[in-house]
Protein backbone atom coordinates (compact mmCIF):
# COMPACT_ATOMS: atom_id res chain seq x y z
CA MET A 1 -28.15 5.80 -8.37
CA GLU A 2 -24.80 4.29 -7.39
CA SER A 3 -22.25 4.23 -10.21
CA THR A 4 -20.70 0.99 -11.41
CA ALA A 5 -17.27 2.15 -10.24
CA ARG A 6 -18.56 2.93 -6.74
CA ARG A 7 -20.41 -0.37 -6.49
CA LEU A 8 -17.38 -2.36 -7.60
CA HIS A 9 -15.17 -0.40 -5.22
CA ARG A 10 -17.35 -1.53 -2.32
CA LEU A 11 -17.07 -5.14 -3.50
CA VAL A 12 -13.35 -5.13 -4.31
CA GLU A 13 -11.97 -3.11 -1.38
CA PRO A 14 -12.54 -5.78 1.32
CA ILE A 15 -10.41 -8.21 -0.73
CA HIS A 16 -7.48 -5.84 -0.91
CA LEU A 17 -7.84 -4.70 2.71
CA VAL A 18 -6.57 -7.98 4.14
CA ALA A 19 -3.12 -6.57 3.31
CA TYR A 20 -3.56 -4.00 6.08
CA MET A 21 -6.18 -5.48 8.42
CA SER A 22 -5.23 -9.13 8.86
CA GLU A 23 -2.26 -10.59 10.72
CA GLU A 24 -0.84 -12.93 8.08
CA PRO A 25 0.61 -10.30 5.68
CA THR A 26 2.20 -8.37 8.54
CA GLU A 27 3.67 -11.58 9.97
CA ALA A 28 5.05 -12.59 6.56
CA LEU A 29 6.71 -9.19 6.11
CA MET A 30 8.01 -9.15 9.68
CA ALA A 31 9.56 -12.56 9.03
CA LEU A 32 11.82 -10.83 6.50
CA GLY A 33 13.28 -8.80 9.36
CA HIS A 34 11.16 -5.66 9.31
CA ARG A 35 10.71 -3.99 12.67
CA ASN A 36 7.01 -3.21 12.79
CA TYR A 37 3.70 -2.90 10.92
CA TRP A 38 4.66 0.33 9.15
CA ASP A 39 7.94 -1.09 7.87
CA GLY A 40 5.88 -3.86 6.30
CA TYR A 41 3.27 -1.43 4.99
CA PHE A 42 5.76 0.72 3.13
CA ALA A 43 7.87 -2.22 1.97
CA GLY A 44 4.87 -4.14 0.62
CA ARG A 45 2.96 -1.27 -0.93
CA ALA A 46 5.96 0.54 -2.40
CA ALA A 47 7.67 -2.61 -3.71
CA PRO A 48 6.18 -2.37 -7.25
CA LEU A 49 8.01 0.96 -7.60
CA GLY A 50 11.41 -0.58 -6.96
CA ARG A 51 14.12 1.12 -4.91
CA VAL A 52 12.86 4.68 -5.31
CA PRO A 53 13.72 7.29 -2.66
CA ALA A 54 11.36 8.44 0.10
CA GLU A 55 10.52 11.64 -1.77
CA VAL A 56 9.03 9.63 -4.64
CA VAL A 57 7.01 7.33 -2.37
CA HIS A 58 5.79 10.36 -0.41
CA ALA A 59 4.60 11.99 -3.62
CA ILE A 60 2.86 8.86 -4.94
CA PHE A 61 1.20 7.86 -1.64
CA TYR A 62 0.27 11.55 -1.21
CA ASN A 63 -1.39 11.64 2.18
CA PHE A 64 1.36 10.90 4.69
CA ALA A 65 2.68 13.78 6.79
CA ASP A 66 6.15 15.10 6.03
CA GLY A 67 8.86 12.76 7.25
CA GLU A 68 6.64 9.71 7.82
CA VAL A 69 7.73 7.89 4.66
CA ALA A 70 11.40 8.68 5.27
CA ARG A 71 11.30 6.78 8.55
CA HIS A 72 10.92 3.59 6.51
CA ILE A 73 12.09 4.23 2.93
CA PRO A 74 14.79 3.43 1.81
CA ARG A 75 15.88 1.63 5.01
CA VAL A 76 13.42 -1.23 4.45
CA TRP A 77 15.37 -2.18 1.31
CA ASP A 78 18.43 -2.83 3.46
CA THR A 79 16.34 -5.46 5.24
CA ALA A 80 14.75 -7.23 2.27
CA THR A 81 14.47 -6.63 -1.47
CA PRO A 82 11.30 -5.32 -3.13
CA GLU A 83 10.93 -8.73 -4.75
CA ALA A 84 10.98 -10.45 -1.35
CA ALA A 85 8.47 -7.94 0.02
CA LEU A 86 6.10 -8.58 -2.89
CA ALA A 87 6.28 -12.34 -2.40
CA ALA A 88 5.75 -12.12 1.37
CA ARG A 89 2.83 -9.71 1.02
CA GLU A 90 1.08 -11.92 -1.52
CA GLN A 91 1.72 -15.06 0.52
CA GLY A 92 0.28 -13.44 3.64
CA CYS A 93 -2.75 -12.03 1.87
CA VAL A 94 -3.59 -15.38 0.27
CA ALA A 95 -3.32 -17.08 3.66
CA ALA A 96 -5.61 -14.47 5.22
CA LEU A 97 -8.18 -14.76 2.44
CA ARG A 98 -8.22 -18.55 2.67
CA ARG A 99 -8.70 -18.40 6.44
CA ILE A 100 -11.54 -15.87 6.27
CA LEU A 101 -13.33 -17.25 3.21
CA GLY A 102 -13.15 -20.94 4.10
CA ASP A 103 -14.85 -23.06 1.43
CA LEU A 104 -15.53 -19.97 -0.69
CA ALA A 105 -11.80 -19.82 -1.45
CA ASP A 106 -12.05 -22.95 -3.60
CA SER A 107 -15.44 -22.20 -5.15
CA PRO A 108 -16.10 -21.84 -8.89
CA GLY A 109 -17.46 -18.35 -8.17
CA LEU A 110 -14.15 -17.17 -6.77
CA ALA A 111 -12.23 -18.57 -9.74
CA ARG A 112 -14.64 -16.79 -12.11
CA ALA A 113 -14.35 -13.57 -10.13
CA ALA A 114 -10.57 -13.80 -10.27
CA ASP A 115 -10.60 -14.16 -14.05
CA LEU A 116 -13.12 -11.38 -14.66
CA ALA A 117 -11.54 -9.00 -12.14
CA THR A 118 -8.16 -9.61 -13.79
CA LYS A 119 -9.64 -8.88 -17.22
CA ALA A 120 -10.96 -5.57 -15.89
CA ALA A 121 -7.86 -4.73 -13.88
CA THR A 122 -5.47 -5.23 -16.81
CA SER A 123 -7.53 -3.36 -19.41
CA ALA A 124 -7.18 0.28 -18.32
CA PRO A 125 -4.57 2.74 -19.65
CA THR A 126 -1.57 3.21 -17.37
CA GLU A 127 -0.75 6.80 -18.31
CA GLY A 128 -0.77 9.04 -15.26
CA ARG A 129 -1.35 6.04 -12.95
CA ILE A 130 2.05 5.50 -11.39
CA LEU A 131 1.35 2.92 -8.70
CA TYR A 132 -1.13 1.11 -10.95
CA ALA A 133 1.50 1.00 -13.71
CA GLY A 134 4.03 -0.47 -11.29
CA LEU A 135 1.59 -3.22 -10.37
CA ARG A 136 0.72 -3.86 -14.02
CA ALA A 137 4.40 -4.62 -14.67
CA LEU A 138 4.21 -7.59 -12.27
CA PRO A 139 3.23 -11.08 -13.42
CA VAL A 140 -0.38 -12.10 -12.77
CA PRO A 141 -0.60 -15.06 -10.36
CA GLU A 142 -2.21 -18.23 -11.65
CA GLU A 143 -3.65 -19.58 -8.39
CA PRO A 144 -7.24 -18.21 -8.11
CA VAL A 145 -7.07 -16.66 -4.61
CA ALA A 146 -3.74 -14.97 -5.36
CA LYS A 147 -5.08 -13.88 -8.73
CA LEU A 148 -8.17 -12.34 -7.15
CA TRP A 149 -6.13 -10.48 -4.53
CA HIS A 150 -3.75 -9.18 -7.20
CA ALA A 151 -6.66 -7.99 -9.36
CA ALA A 152 -8.29 -6.30 -6.36
CA THR A 153 -5.01 -4.55 -5.61
CA LEU A 154 -4.68 -3.35 -9.20
CA LEU A 155 -8.24 -1.99 -9.15
CA ARG A 156 -7.74 -0.39 -5.76
CA GLU A 157 -4.52 1.38 -6.70
CA HIS A 158 -5.95 2.44 -10.08
CA ARG A 159 -8.76 4.11 -8.17
CA GLY A 160 -6.27 5.55 -5.69
CA ASP A 161 -4.17 7.13 -8.43
CA GLY A 162 -7.34 8.74 -9.79
CA HIS A 163 -8.38 9.92 -6.33
CA ILE A 164 -5.06 11.70 -5.91
CA ALA A 165 -5.57 13.40 -9.29
CA ALA A 166 -9.00 14.55 -8.08
CA LEU A 167 -7.52 15.89 -4.84
CA VAL A 168 -4.78 17.75 -6.70
CA ALA A 169 -7.33 19.24 -9.10
CA ALA A 170 -9.37 20.45 -6.12
CA GLY A 171 -6.32 21.92 -4.41
CA ILE A 172 -6.60 19.57 -1.42
CA GLY A 173 -3.29 18.51 0.09
CA GLY A 174 -2.51 15.16 1.67
CA THR A 175 -3.21 16.02 5.32
CA GLU A 176 -6.13 18.18 4.21
CA ALA A 177 -7.65 15.13 2.53
CA HIS A 178 -7.81 13.35 5.90
CA VAL A 179 -9.31 16.39 7.60
CA LEU A 180 -11.87 16.75 4.83
CA HIS A 181 -12.80 13.08 5.12
CA ALA A 182 -13.10 13.21 8.91
CA LEU A 183 -15.20 16.38 9.01
CA PHE A 184 -17.42 15.14 6.19
CA ASP A 185 -18.25 12.15 8.41
CA ASP A 186 -18.86 14.50 11.38
CA MET A 187 -15.71 13.35 13.16
CA PRO A 188 -13.32 15.86 14.74
CA ALA A 189 -10.05 15.83 12.82
CA GLU A 190 -8.03 15.11 15.96
CA LYS A 191 -9.97 11.86 16.42
CA PHE A 192 -9.34 10.57 12.88
CA GLY A 193 -6.96 7.63 12.79
CA ARG A 194 -4.63 8.81 10.04
CA VAL A 195 -3.92 12.25 11.57
CA HIS A 196 -4.72 11.92 15.27
CA HIS A 197 -1.01 11.39 16.03
CA LEU A 198 0.05 14.71 14.53
CA PRO A 199 1.05 17.52 16.92
CA ALA A 200 -2.03 19.56 17.83
CA ALA A 201 -0.49 22.77 16.50
CA GLN A 202 0.32 21.17 13.15
CA LEU A 203 -3.20 19.81 12.72
CA ALA A 204 -4.72 23.11 13.83
CA ALA A 205 -2.66 24.93 11.20
CA VAL A 206 -4.07 22.64 8.50
CA VAL A 207 -7.64 23.30 9.68
CA ASP A 208 -6.94 27.05 9.85
CA GLY A 209 -5.69 26.98 6.26
CA MET A 210 -8.88 25.23 5.16
CA ARG A 211 -10.94 27.77 7.10
CA ALA A 212 -9.16 30.61 5.33
CA ARG A 213 -10.20 29.07 1.99
CA GLY A 214 -13.81 28.75 3.07
CA LEU A 215 -13.80 24.95 3.39
CA VAL A 216 -14.27 24.99 7.17
CA ASP A 217 -16.64 27.36 8.96
CA ASP A 218 -16.18 29.21 12.24
CA SER A 219 -17.59 26.27 14.19
CA GLY A 220 -14.73 24.05 12.99
CA TRP A 221 -16.94 21.86 10.79
CA LEU A 222 -17.18 21.75 7.02
CA SER A 223 -18.87 24.68 5.32
CA ASP A 224 -21.26 24.19 2.42
CA LEU A 225 -18.26 24.76 0.13
CA GLY A 226 -16.29 22.13 2.01
CA ARG A 227 -19.06 19.54 1.65
CA LYS A 228 -19.52 20.38 -2.02
CA THR A 229 -15.77 20.05 -2.58
CA LYS A 230 -15.70 16.61 -0.94
CA GLU A 231 -18.70 15.43 -2.98
CA GLN A 232 -17.09 16.67 -6.22
CA ILE A 233 -13.84 14.87 -5.39
CA GLU A 234 -15.65 11.59 -4.76
CA SER A 235 -17.72 11.94 -7.92
CA LEU A 236 -14.62 12.61 -10.03
CA THR A 237 -12.85 9.69 -8.34
CA ASP A 238 -15.70 7.41 -9.43
CA ASP A 239 -15.52 8.75 -12.98
CA LEU A 240 -11.77 8.18 -13.12
CA ALA A 241 -12.15 4.66 -11.70
CA ALA A 242 -14.58 3.57 -14.44
CA PRO A 243 -12.18 2.60 -17.31
CA PRO A 244 -11.29 -0.92 -16.06
CA TYR A 245 -14.95 -1.92 -15.99
CA ASP A 246 -15.51 -0.58 -19.48
CA GLY A 247 -13.39 -3.53 -20.62
CA LEU A 248 -16.08 -6.01 -19.54
CA GLU A 249 -19.15 -7.01 -21.51
CA PRO A 250 -22.46 -6.31 -19.69
CA ASN A 251 -22.96 -10.01 -18.92
CA GLU A 252 -19.39 -10.26 -17.60
CA LEU A 253 -19.93 -7.26 -15.34
CA ASP A 254 -23.13 -8.79 -13.97
CA GLN A 255 -21.33 -12.08 -13.37
CA LEU A 256 -18.43 -10.36 -11.63
CA ILE A 257 -20.80 -8.53 -9.28
CA ALA A 258 -22.74 -11.72 -8.53
CA ASP A 259 -19.56 -13.67 -7.78
CA LEU A 260 -18.00 -10.91 -5.68
CA GLU A 261 -21.03 -10.31 -3.47
CA PRO A 262 -20.70 -13.38 -1.21
CA ILE A 263 -16.92 -12.96 -1.07
CA SER A 264 -17.19 -9.30 -0.11
CA ALA A 265 -19.98 -9.97 2.41
CA THR A 266 -17.89 -12.61 4.15
CA LEU A 267 -14.86 -10.33 4.31
CA ASP A 268 -16.97 -7.36 5.46
CA ALA A 269 -18.43 -9.44 8.28
CA ALA A 270 -14.89 -10.27 9.42
CA GLY A 271 -13.58 -6.74 8.94
CA SER A 272 -11.06 -8.24 6.47
CA ARG A 273 -9.25 -9.52 9.56
């Protein structure tokens, strides 16, 4: 049976994903003077942390290859402040959600979902959740669509912080996490979007290291241990993502799910684009 945390993740994730999949947030961040999509990505996502150095962002984001963060941080802060990046990102995401959702954006169900998702998203402890804690320090928007996107982002990054803890506990490094994910889905690592750009020798060295630990078999696919490790990581991630939803009464949780389902279905159908 699917856990509450996993079910809510499937419903909440499409709301947050407009930040990365739709054009409006990228355009809003580019309007600040950023050079490209990845400038905007790092500026928008890292903004709640303030002007921290690349080493800190690399550690918190966890799964970028060495040097990738430093191509953007701290230079993006010479272009626009974290505060400006936050405002542009939110503005773009709200515009994207309104375009995709149409009349749903002004429905009573969305307003209810925004309130209940915010109640959940602001109820969990912040200890050990660095990016989540940074987001919690920001004011909650009042406008319902902005409020819903903000709550979805809080819930997403809370889960992400827990996922990183699960990866660390399992001894899986950042690039290894992508390889593990790709192979678990029967996709060659060199075809996976987040690591396909890495030099072949670098990616091969990661796979060889996983093979030496018994996670990958001689065929180059996950071993039984590798699959078990991935399943344990995902199960622990779900467990660690549960606390926000513990803050809702059973009837509130049911209402949140009911209100999110048409929103999520509409966004899924559009690919959050």
